[in-house]
Amino acid sequence: MTWSITVPGIPKSARPGTLLISRSTGRPFLRKRNTAWAQRIADAAAASPPPALLEGPLRATLTFRMPRPTTGKAAKRPHPCVKPDVERLASGCLDQLQGIVYRDDAQIVSLLLVKQYEGAPGVTIGVSLV
């Protein structure tokens, strides 16, 4: 069985956030980042879930389409070898699919990650049984 979705938008990394101290209470709290992108992934997955949670070893393919910078020539930088790291982009997406597509992201035994400038910004995620 194969499941896939395409989510438009500029991909964001899964940065854990910043630990801040509240001025009023003096207690630490975590300011989360990139929650809108994570929510977009979760909403798209929930809108077209597989018939049942995928069980067993899985193969995941994630293709991130990044916006091309407005400065510089395309020939000078044909590949997006700049931040965000493709591993952080992937971890943010895969975490959002837990409980919707598969039980746990530890089930993924094969992972193909691509970060490119081609096409409209967004991500295409495919998950299949090995």
C-alpha atoms as a PDB file:
ATOM      1  CA  MET A   1       0.000   0.000   0.000  1.00  0.00           C
ATOM      2  CA  THR A   2       1.215   3.499  -0.839  1.00  0.00           C
ATOM      3  CA  TRP A   3       0.006   6.775   0.638  1.00  0.00           C
ATOM      4  CA  SER A   4       1.046  10.251  -0.524  1.00  0.00           C
ATOM      5  CA  ILE A   5       0.136  13.916  -0.203  1.00  0.00           C
ATOM      6  CA  THR A   6       1.381  17.238  -1.530  1.00  0.00           C
ATOM      7  CA  VAL A   7       1.346  20.250   0.768  1.00  0.00           C
ATOM      8  CA  PRO A   8       1.904  23.699  -0.777  1.00  0.00           C
ATOM      9  CA  GLY A   9       3.850  26.386   1.052  1.00  0.00           C
ATOM     10  CA  ILE A  10       7.413  27.204   2.014  1.00  0.00           C
ATOM     11  CA  PRO A  11       8.869  24.256   3.963  1.00  0.00           C
ATOM     12  CA  LYS A  12      10.083  25.077   7.465  1.00  0.00           C
ATOM     13  CA  SER A  13      12.483  23.173   9.696  1.00  0.00           C
ATOM     14  CA  ALA A  14      11.533  21.445  12.928  1.00  0.00           C
ATOM     15  CA  ARG A  15      13.388  23.702  15.301  1.00  0.00           C
ATOM     16  CA  PRO A  16      12.492  22.924  18.880  1.00  0.00           C
ATOM     17  CA  GLY A  17      11.971  26.545  19.867  1.00  0.00           C
ATOM     18  CA  THR A  18      13.486  28.917  22.365  1.00  0.00           C
ATOM     19  CA  LEU A  19      13.490  28.576  26.139  1.00  0.00           C
ATOM     20  CA  LEU A  20      12.444  31.896  27.693  1.00  0.00           C
ATOM     21  CA  ILE A  21      11.830  33.100  31.241  1.00  0.00           C
ATOM     22  CA  SER A  22       8.469  34.688  32.040  1.00  0.00           C
ATOM     23  CA  ARG A  23       8.816  38.186  33.469  1.00  0.00           C
ATOM     24  CA  SER A  24       5.644  37.900  35.526  1.00  0.00           C
ATOM     25  CA  THR A  25       6.125  34.436  37.064  1.00  0.00           C
ATOM     26  CA  GLY A  26       9.867  33.854  36.641  1.00  0.00           C
ATOM     27  CA  ARG A  27       9.154  30.380  35.259  1.00  0.00           C
ATOM     28  CA  PRO A  28      10.737  29.041  32.085  1.00  0.00           C
ATOM     29  CA  PHE A  29       8.543  28.302  29.063  1.00  0.00           C
ATOM     30  CA  LEU A  30       9.189  27.066  25.545  1.00  0.00           C
ATOM     31  CA  ARG A  31       8.234  29.363  22.655  1.00  0.00           C
ATOM     32  CA  LYS A  32       7.431  27.014  19.804  1.00  0.00           C
ATOM     33  CA  ARG A  33       8.410  27.827  16.252  1.00  0.00           C
ATOM     34  CA  ASN A  34       7.066  26.892  12.846  1.00  0.00           C
ATOM     35  CA  THR A  35       3.804  25.627  14.279  1.00  0.00           C
ATOM     36  CA  ALA A  36       1.831  26.908  11.268  1.00  0.00           C
ATOM     37  CA  TRP A  37       3.834  24.724   8.834  1.00  0.00           C
ATOM     38  CA  ALA A  38       3.561  21.710  11.132  1.00  0.00           C
ATOM     39  CA  GLN A  39      -0.182  22.231  11.442  1.00  0.00           C
ATOM     40  CA  ARG A  40      -0.510  22.494   7.659  1.00  0.00           C
ATOM     41  CA  ILE A  41       1.188  19.079   7.304  1.00  0.00           C
ATOM     42  CA  ALA A  42      -1.048  17.517   9.962  1.00  0.00           C
ATOM     43  CA  ASP A  43      -4.212  19.012   8.435  1.00  0.00           C
ATOM     44  CA  ALA A  44      -3.339  17.773   4.943  1.00  0.00           C
ATOM     45  CA  ALA A  45      -2.622  14.278   6.261  1.00  0.00           C
ATOM     46  CA  ALA A  46      -5.840  14.224   8.292  1.00  0.00           C
ATOM     47  CA  ALA A  47      -7.839  15.351   5.246  1.00  0.00           C
ATOM     48  CA  SER A  48      -6.733  12.316   3.220  1.00  0.00           C
ATOM     49  CA  PRO A  49      -5.592   9.604   5.641  1.00  0.00           C
ATOM     50  CA  PRO A  50      -4.972   6.013   4.583  1.00  0.00           C
ATOM     51  CA  PRO A  51      -7.849   3.576   5.219  1.00  0.00           C
ATOM     52  CA  ALA A  52      -5.959   2.218   8.243  1.00  0.00           C
ATOM     53  CA  LEU A  53      -2.714   3.051  10.018  1.00  0.00           C
ATOM     54  CA  LEU A  54       0.204   1.572   8.108  1.00  0.00           C
ATOM     55  CA  GLU A  55       1.823  -1.239  10.105  1.00  0.00           C
ATOM     56  CA  GLY A  56       5.245  -2.834   9.787  1.00  0.00           C
ATOM     57  CA  PRO A  57       8.418  -1.480   8.181  1.00  0.00           C
ATOM     58  CA  LEU A  58       7.873   1.594   5.999  1.00  0.00           C
ATOM     59  CA  ARG A  59       9.660   3.505   3.247  1.00  0.00           C
ATOM     60  CA  ALA A  60       9.213   7.286   3.175  1.00  0.00           C
ATOM     61  CA  THR A  61      10.054   9.680   0.350  1.00  0.00           C
ATOM     62  CA  LEU A  62       9.979  13.435   0.946  1.00  0.00           C
ATOM     63  CA  THR A  63      10.590  15.954  -1.828  1.00  0.00           C
ATOM     64  CA  PHE A  64      10.936  19.529  -0.629  1.00  0.00           C
ATOM     65  CA  ARG A  65      10.550  22.253  -3.254  1.00  0.00           C
ATOM     66  CA  MET A  66      12.175  25.423  -1.980  1.00  0.00           C
ATOM     67  CA  PRO A  67      11.651  28.947  -3.363  1.00  0.00           C
ATOM     68  CA  ARG A  68      14.580  30.133  -5.475  1.00  0.00           C
ATOM     69  CA  PRO A  69      16.377  33.166  -3.994  1.00  0.00           C
ATOM     70  CA  THR A  70      15.619  36.435  -5.759  1.00  0.00           C
ATOM     71  CA  THR A  71      19.280  37.462  -5.689  1.00  0.00           C
ATOM     72  CA  GLY A  72      22.028  35.730  -7.615  1.00  0.00           C
ATOM     73  CA  LYS A  73      21.979  33.717 -10.804  1.00  0.00           C
ATOM     74  CA  ALA A  74      20.291  30.343 -11.103  1.00  0.00           C
ATOM     75  CA  ALA A  75      23.367  28.889 -12.795  1.00  0.00           C
ATOM     76  CA  LYS A  76      25.517  29.925  -9.846  1.00  0.00           C
ATOM     77  CA  ARG A  77      23.412  27.955  -7.333  1.00  0.00           C
ATOM     78  CA  PRO A  78      21.465  25.178  -9.106  1.00  0.00           C
ATOM     79  CA  HIS A  79      20.798  23.278  -5.851  1.00  0.00           C
ATOM     80  CA  PRO A  80      19.478  24.616  -2.519  1.00  0.00           C
ATOM     81  CA  CYS A  81      22.612  23.823  -0.491  1.00  0.00           C
ATOM     82  CA  VAL A  82      21.658  26.359   2.188  1.00  0.00           C
ATOM     83  CA  LYS A  83      19.618  26.219   5.399  1.00  0.00           C
ATOM     84  CA  PRO A  84      17.253  24.749   6.428  1.00  0.00           C
ATOM     85  CA  ASP A  85      18.863  21.300   6.643  1.00  0.00           C
ATOM     86  CA  VAL A  86      16.930  18.603   4.828  1.00  0.00           C
ATOM     87  CA  GLU A  87      17.036  16.373   7.946  1.00  0.00           C
ATOM     88  CA  ARG A  88      15.254  19.009  10.025  1.00  0.00           C
ATOM     89  CA  LEU A  89      12.691  19.565   7.298  1.00  0.00           C
ATOM     90  CA  ALA A  90      11.997  15.826   7.232  1.00  0.00           C
ATOM     91  CA  SER A  91      11.757  15.328  10.990  1.00  0.00           C
ATOM     92  CA  GLY A  92       9.137  18.044  11.257  1.00  0.00           C
ATOM     93  CA  CYS A  93       7.005  16.401   8.584  1.00  0.00           C
ATOM     94  CA  LEU A  94       7.388  12.839   9.834  1.00  0.00           C
ATOM     95  CA  ASP A  95       6.467  13.798  13.396  1.00  0.00           C
ATOM     96  CA  GLN A  96       3.175  15.257  12.158  1.00  0.00           C
ATOM     97  CA  LEU A  97       2.187  11.989  10.453  1.00  0.00           C
ATOM     98  CA  GLN A  98       2.317   9.902  13.642  1.00  0.00           C
ATOM     99  CA  GLY A  99      -1.095   8.607  14.579  1.00  0.00           C
ATOM    100  CA  ILE A 100      -2.538   9.656  11.201  1.00  0.00           C
ATOM    101  CA  VAL A 101      -0.558   7.601   8.674  1.00  0.00           C
ATOM    102  CA  TYR A 102       1.482   5.282  10.904  1.00  0.00           C
ATOM    103  CA  ARG A 103       1.693   4.471  14.586  1.00  0.00           C
ATOM    104  CA  ASP A 104       5.279   5.660  15.168  1.00  0.00           C
ATOM    105  CA  ASP A 105       8.007   7.144  12.976  1.00  0.00           C
ATOM    106  CA  ALA A 106      10.342   4.403  14.272  1.00  0.00           C
ATOM    107  CA  GLN A 107       8.588   2.177  11.682  1.00  0.00           C
ATOM    108  CA  ILE A 108      10.424   4.023   8.892  1.00  0.00           C
ATOM    109  CA  VAL A 109      13.379   1.892   7.832  1.00  0.00           C
ATOM    110  CA  SER A 110      14.077   3.553   4.465  1.00  0.00           C
ATOM    111  CA  LEU A 111      14.084   7.305   3.896  1.00  0.00           C
ATOM    112  CA  LEU A 112      14.723   9.288   0.701  1.00  0.00           C
ATOM    113  CA  LEU A 113      15.032  13.060   1.084  1.00  0.00           C
ATOM    114  CA  VAL A 114      15.229  15.546  -1.797  1.00  0.00           C
ATOM    115  CA  LYS A 115      15.519  19.343  -1.553  1.00  0.00           C
ATOM    116  CA  GLN A 116      15.223  21.185  -4.866  1.00  0.00           C
ATOM    117  CA  TYR A 117      14.282  24.456  -6.531  1.00  0.00           C
ATOM    118  CA  GLU A 118      11.987  22.941  -9.175  1.00  0.00           C
ATOM    119  CA  GLY A 119       8.243  23.595  -9.071  1.00  0.00           C
ATOM    120  CA  ALA A 120       6.045  25.574  -6.713  1.00  0.00           C
ATOM    121  CA  PRO A 121       7.220  25.616  -3.063  1.00  0.00           C
ATOM    122  CA  GLY A 122       5.909  22.795  -0.913  1.00  0.00           C
ATOM    123  CA  VAL A 123       6.508  19.170  -0.019  1.00  0.00           C
ATOM    124  CA  THR A 124       5.395  15.862  -1.456  1.00  0.00           C
ATOM    125  CA  ILE A 125       5.360  13.031   1.056  1.00  0.00           C
ATOM    126  CA  GLY A 126       5.024   9.377   0.117  1.00  0.00           C
ATOM    127  CA  VAL A 127       4.887   6.458   2.549  1.00  0.00           C
ATOM    128  CA  SER A 128       4.730   2.824   1.503  1.00  0.00           C
ATOM    129  CA  LEU A 129       5.218  -0.629   2.956  1.00  0.00           C
ATOM    130  CA  VAL A 130       8.656  -2.148   2.423  1.00  0.00           C
END
